[in-house]
Amino acid sequence: MVFPFLYWRYAVYAGLPLAQVPVHIPLKCNLGCLLILVPQLYWLFLMVRGASKVFYKIYLKSKQH
C-alpha cells in the first residue's frame, strides 16, 4: 500500500488527478515502483494462498467433530 499512497500524496502536492500522476513523473520512477511492487504482490499472493489452505484444513477438521 506504500506506492498507491505515494502516488496519491504526489497528486495532492502537484494538484493533479490521481490518474495523471504516472504521466507526470519520470518513467524511471514508474519503472522503479513497478519493479519493487511486482515481487511484493507475488509474495502477497503466496501468503494468501498458503493462509487459505491452512484455514481450510482447520475448517474441515472442525466440520468432522
C-alpha atoms as a PDB file:
ATOM      1  CA  MET A   1       0.000   0.000   0.000  1.00  0.00           C
ATOM      2  CA  VAL A   2       3.024   2.293   0.008  1.00  0.00           C
ATOM      3  CA  PHE A   3       3.019   3.050  -3.708  1.00  0.00           C
ATOM      4  CA  PRO A   4      -0.659   3.979  -4.028  1.00  0.00           C
ATOM      5  CA  PHE A   5      -0.144   6.276  -1.040  1.00  0.00           C
ATOM      6  CA  LEU A   6       2.929   7.866  -2.624  1.00  0.00           C
ATOM      7  CA  TYR A   7       1.112   8.449  -5.899  1.00  0.00           C
ATOM      8  CA  TRP A   8      -1.875   9.914  -4.032  1.00  0.00           C
ATOM      9  CA  ARG A   9       0.334  12.256  -1.980  1.00  0.00           C
ATOM     10  CA  TYR A  10       2.105  13.415  -5.125  1.00  0.00           C
ATOM     11  CA  ALA A  11      -1.285  14.081  -6.746  1.00  0.00           C
ATOM     12  CA  VAL A  12      -2.291  16.202  -3.765  1.00  0.00           C
ATOM     13  CA  TYR A  13       1.068  18.017  -3.772  1.00  0.00           C
ATOM     14  CA  ALA A  14       1.039  18.716  -7.512  1.00  0.00           C
ATOM     15  CA  GLY A  15      -2.696  19.421  -7.721  1.00  0.00           C
ATOM     16  CA  LEU A  16      -3.253  16.636 -10.252  1.00  0.00           C
ATOM     17  CA  PRO A  17      -5.923  13.981 -10.597  1.00  0.00           C
ATOM     18  CA  LEU A  18      -4.597  10.643  -9.360  1.00  0.00           C
ATOM     19  CA  ALA A  19      -4.907   9.043 -12.802  1.00  0.00           C
ATOM     20  CA  GLN A  20      -2.490  11.597 -14.291  1.00  0.00           C
ATOM     21  CA  VAL A  21       0.306  11.100 -11.765  1.00  0.00           C
ATOM     22  CA  PRO A  22       2.089   8.287 -13.668  1.00  0.00           C
ATOM     23  CA  VAL A  23       2.194  10.507 -16.775  1.00  0.00           C
ATOM     24  CA  HIS A  24       3.716  13.445 -14.903  1.00  0.00           C
ATOM     25  CA  ILE A  25       6.514  11.693 -13.047  1.00  0.00           C
ATOM     26  CA  PRO A  26       9.630  10.388 -14.819  1.00  0.00           C
ATOM     27  CA  LEU A  27       9.469   6.971 -16.437  1.00  0.00           C
ATOM     28  CA  LYS A  28      12.350   5.690 -14.310  1.00  0.00           C
ATOM     29  CA  CYS A  29      10.300   6.393 -11.161  1.00  0.00           C
ATOM     30  CA  ASN A  30       7.314   4.464 -12.507  1.00  0.00           C
ATOM     31  CA  LEU A  31       9.540   1.559 -13.550  1.00  0.00           C
ATOM     32  CA  GLY A  32      11.309   1.540 -10.180  1.00  0.00           C
ATOM     33  CA  CYS A  33       7.991   1.438  -8.341  1.00  0.00           C
ATOM     34  CA  LEU A  34       6.772  -1.331 -10.623  1.00  0.00           C
ATOM     35  CA  LEU A  35       9.988  -3.282 -10.166  1.00  0.00           C
ATOM     36  CA  ILE A  36       9.514  -3.217  -6.402  1.00  0.00           C
ATOM     37  CA  LEU A  37       5.727  -3.701  -6.441  1.00  0.00           C
ATOM     38  CA  VAL A  38       5.584  -6.847  -8.599  1.00  0.00           C
ATOM     39  CA  PRO A  39       7.565  -9.099  -6.200  1.00  0.00           C
ATOM     40  CA  GLN A  40       5.559  -7.735  -3.273  1.00  0.00           C
ATOM     41  CA  LEU A  41       2.295  -8.658  -4.994  1.00  0.00           C
ATOM     42  CA  TYR A  42       3.679 -12.108  -5.816  1.00  0.00           C
ATOM     43  CA  TRP A  43       4.632 -12.742  -2.171  1.00  0.00           C
ATOM     44  CA  LEU A  44       1.255 -11.439  -1.023  1.00  0.00           C
ATOM     45  CA  PHE A  45      -0.434 -13.907  -3.372  1.00  0.00           C
ATOM     46  CA  LEU A  46       1.668 -16.761  -1.983  1.00  0.00           C
ATOM     47  CA  MET A  47       0.898 -15.801   1.624  1.00  0.00           C
ATOM     48  CA  VAL A  48      -2.848 -15.501   1.000  1.00  0.00           C
ATOM     49  CA  ARG A  49      -2.888 -18.831  -0.831  1.00  0.00           C
ATOM     50  CA  GLY A  50      -0.956 -20.521   1.991  1.00  0.00           C
ATOM     51  CA  ALA A  51      -3.153 -19.000   4.681  1.00  0.00           C
ATOM     52  CA  SER A  52      -6.311 -20.076   2.863  1.00  0.00           C
ATOM     53  CA  LYS A  53      -5.010 -23.655   2.709  1.00  0.00           C
ATOM     54  CA  VAL A  54      -4.277 -23.639   6.452  1.00  0.00           C
ATOM     55  CA  PHE A  55      -7.647 -22.163   7.376  1.00  0.00           C
ATOM     56  CA  TYR A  56      -9.457 -24.535   5.024  1.00  0.00           C
ATOM     57  CA  LYS A  57      -7.800 -27.510   6.728  1.00  0.00           C
ATOM     58  CA  ILE A  58      -8.834 -26.128  10.117  1.00  0.00           C
ATOM     59  CA  TYR A  59     -12.369 -25.649   8.802  1.00  0.00           C
ATOM     60  CA  LEU A  60     -12.528 -29.239   7.543  1.00  0.00           C
ATOM     61  CA  LYS A  61     -11.296 -30.581  10.897  1.00  0.00           C
ATOM     62  CA  SER A  62     -13.923 -28.593  12.772  1.00  0.00           C
ATOM     63  CA  LYS A  63     -16.666 -29.934  10.477  1.00  0.00           C
ATOM     64  CA  GLN A  64     -15.682 -33.530  11.266  1.00  0.00           C
ATOM     65  CA  HIS A  65     -16.200 -33.092  15.025  1.00  0.00           C
END
